[in-house]
N, C-alpha and C. Protein backbone atom coordinates (compact mmCIF):
# COMPACT_ATOMS: atom_id res chain seq x y z
N UNK A 1 46.28 -65.05 -56.98
CA UNK A 1 47.04 -66.15 -56.42
C UNK A 1 46.19 -67.42 -56.38
N UNK A 2 44.89 -67.25 -56.01
CA UNK A 2 44.00 -68.41 -55.93
C UNK A 2 43.95 -69.15 -57.26
N UNK A 3 43.78 -68.41 -58.36
CA UNK A 3 43.66 -69.05 -59.67
C UNK A 3 44.95 -69.78 -60.04
N UNK A 4 46.09 -69.19 -59.73
CA UNK A 4 47.37 -69.83 -60.02
C UNK A 4 47.50 -71.15 -59.26
N UNK A 5 47.22 -71.11 -57.95
CA UNK A 5 47.32 -72.33 -57.13
C UNK A 5 46.29 -73.37 -57.58
N UNK A 6 45.10 -72.92 -57.91
CA UNK A 6 44.06 -73.84 -58.37
C UNK A 6 44.51 -74.57 -59.64
N UNK A 7 45.07 -73.84 -60.56
CA UNK A 7 45.56 -74.44 -61.81
C UNK A 7 46.69 -75.43 -61.55
N UNK A 8 47.64 -75.04 -60.73
CA UNK A 8 48.77 -75.92 -60.42
C UNK A 8 48.31 -77.21 -59.72
N UNK A 9 47.42 -77.08 -58.75
CA UNK A 9 46.93 -78.25 -58.03
C UNK A 9 46.08 -79.14 -58.94
N UNK A 10 45.29 -78.54 -59.82
CA UNK A 10 44.51 -79.33 -60.77
C UNK A 10 45.41 -80.14 -61.69
N UNK A 11 46.48 -79.54 -62.15
CA UNK A 11 47.42 -80.26 -63.02
C UNK A 11 48.10 -81.39 -62.25
N UNK A 12 48.44 -81.16 -61.01
CA UNK A 12 49.16 -82.15 -60.22
C UNK A 12 48.25 -83.31 -59.80
N UNK A 13 47.06 -83.00 -59.30
CA UNK A 13 46.17 -84.03 -58.76
C UNK A 13 45.16 -84.55 -59.77
N UNK A 14 44.95 -83.86 -60.87
CA UNK A 14 44.00 -84.32 -61.88
C UNK A 14 42.59 -84.44 -61.32
N UNK A 15 42.00 -85.61 -61.45
CA UNK A 15 40.62 -85.83 -60.99
C UNK A 15 40.54 -86.23 -59.51
N UNK A 16 41.67 -86.32 -58.84
CA UNK A 16 41.69 -86.72 -57.43
C UNK A 16 41.41 -85.50 -56.55
N UNK A 17 40.15 -85.02 -56.64
CA UNK A 17 39.76 -83.84 -55.88
C UNK A 17 38.27 -83.88 -55.60
N UNK A 18 37.86 -83.04 -54.67
CA UNK A 18 36.45 -82.95 -54.30
C UNK A 18 36.15 -81.50 -53.95
N UNK A 19 35.06 -80.97 -54.51
CA UNK A 19 34.66 -79.59 -54.22
C UNK A 19 33.51 -79.61 -53.22
N UNK A 20 33.67 -78.86 -52.14
CA UNK A 20 32.66 -78.77 -51.10
C UNK A 20 31.68 -77.63 -51.39
N UNK A 21 30.54 -77.62 -50.69
CA UNK A 21 29.53 -76.57 -50.91
C UNK A 21 30.06 -75.19 -50.55
N UNK A 22 31.10 -75.11 -49.76
CA UNK A 22 31.72 -73.83 -49.40
C UNK A 22 32.71 -73.37 -50.47
N UNK A 23 32.82 -74.13 -51.55
CA UNK A 23 33.77 -73.91 -52.65
C UNK A 23 35.20 -74.24 -52.29
N UNK A 24 35.42 -74.82 -51.12
CA UNK A 24 36.74 -75.35 -50.78
C UNK A 24 36.98 -76.57 -51.64
N UNK A 25 38.19 -76.72 -52.15
CA UNK A 25 38.53 -77.87 -52.97
C UNK A 25 39.55 -78.72 -52.21
N UNK A 26 39.23 -80.00 -52.05
CA UNK A 26 40.11 -80.95 -51.39
C UNK A 26 40.88 -81.70 -52.47
N UNK A 27 42.16 -81.92 -52.26
CA UNK A 27 43.01 -82.60 -53.23
C UNK A 27 43.73 -83.79 -52.59
N UNK A 28 43.88 -84.84 -53.35
CA UNK A 28 44.68 -85.99 -52.93
C UNK A 28 44.04 -86.82 -51.85
N UNK A 29 42.99 -87.56 -52.19
CA UNK A 29 42.28 -88.38 -51.22
C UNK A 29 43.22 -89.43 -50.63
N UNK A 30 43.29 -89.47 -49.30
CA UNK A 30 44.16 -90.41 -48.60
C UNK A 30 43.38 -91.57 -47.99
N UNK A 31 42.07 -91.54 -48.12
CA UNK A 31 41.23 -92.57 -47.53
C UNK A 31 40.70 -92.14 -46.18
N UNK A 32 39.63 -92.78 -45.74
CA UNK A 32 39.03 -92.53 -44.44
C UNK A 32 38.71 -91.04 -44.21
N UNK A 33 38.27 -90.35 -45.26
CA UNK A 33 37.89 -88.95 -45.13
C UNK A 33 39.03 -87.97 -45.01
N UNK A 34 40.25 -88.43 -45.25
CA UNK A 34 41.42 -87.56 -45.15
C UNK A 34 41.87 -87.13 -46.54
N UNK A 35 42.37 -85.91 -46.65
CA UNK A 35 42.85 -85.36 -47.91
C UNK A 35 44.23 -84.76 -47.69
N UNK A 36 45.03 -84.78 -48.73
CA UNK A 36 46.41 -84.28 -48.66
C UNK A 36 46.45 -82.78 -48.44
N UNK A 37 45.68 -82.02 -49.20
CA UNK A 37 45.71 -80.56 -49.09
C UNK A 37 44.36 -80.00 -49.49
N UNK A 38 44.17 -78.72 -49.22
CA UNK A 38 42.94 -78.06 -49.61
C UNK A 38 43.22 -76.62 -50.02
N UNK A 39 42.27 -76.06 -50.77
CA UNK A 39 42.38 -74.69 -51.25
C UNK A 39 41.03 -74.02 -51.03
N UNK A 40 41.04 -72.90 -50.33
CA UNK A 40 39.81 -72.15 -50.08
C UNK A 40 39.84 -70.87 -50.90
N UNK A 41 38.71 -70.55 -51.56
CA UNK A 41 38.68 -69.31 -52.34
C UNK A 41 38.76 -68.10 -51.42
N UNK A 42 39.28 -66.99 -51.94
CA UNK A 42 39.38 -65.79 -51.11
C UNK A 42 38.00 -65.19 -50.84
N UNK A 43 37.90 -64.43 -49.76
CA UNK A 43 36.66 -63.71 -49.46
C UNK A 43 36.49 -62.56 -50.44
N UNK A 44 35.24 -62.24 -50.72
CA UNK A 44 34.96 -61.10 -51.60
C UNK A 44 35.16 -59.80 -50.82
N UNK A 45 35.35 -58.72 -51.53
CA UNK A 45 35.50 -57.41 -50.89
C UNK A 45 34.25 -57.06 -50.10
N UNK A 46 33.09 -57.46 -50.63
CA UNK A 46 31.83 -57.19 -49.93
C UNK A 46 31.77 -57.93 -48.60
N UNK A 47 32.21 -59.18 -48.58
CA UNK A 47 32.21 -59.96 -47.34
C UNK A 47 33.13 -59.35 -46.30
N UNK A 48 34.28 -58.90 -46.73
CA UNK A 48 35.23 -58.27 -45.82
C UNK A 48 34.67 -56.97 -45.27
N UNK A 49 34.08 -56.16 -46.14
CA UNK A 49 33.49 -54.88 -45.72
C UNK A 49 32.36 -55.12 -44.72
N UNK A 50 31.53 -56.13 -44.96
CA UNK A 50 30.44 -56.43 -44.04
C UNK A 50 30.98 -56.88 -42.69
N UNK A 51 32.01 -57.72 -42.70
CA UNK A 51 32.62 -58.18 -41.46
C UNK A 51 33.19 -57.01 -40.66
N UNK A 52 33.89 -56.11 -41.36
CA UNK A 52 34.46 -54.95 -40.68
C UNK A 52 33.37 -54.04 -40.13
N UNK A 53 32.27 -53.88 -40.88
CA UNK A 53 31.15 -53.06 -40.40
C UNK A 53 30.51 -53.68 -39.17
N UNK A 54 30.39 -55.00 -39.17
CA UNK A 54 29.81 -55.69 -38.03
C UNK A 54 30.67 -55.52 -36.77
N UNK A 55 31.98 -55.49 -36.95
CA UNK A 55 32.89 -55.33 -35.81
C UNK A 55 33.05 -53.88 -35.37
N UNK A 56 32.70 -52.96 -36.26
CA UNK A 56 32.83 -51.50 -36.01
C UNK A 56 34.28 -51.15 -35.73
């Protein structure tokens, strides 16, 4: 699903985007640090397993 949404948003917004160090992508700059929408990549299976192990 992430790849599908990423492709659709890239086609719609073109170069009007910014990628953060967390791999979150911001789309549609509105000015003053505001963005229209964002897309966050999914967590890896390893990250989820580690989180669940930490919570027991």
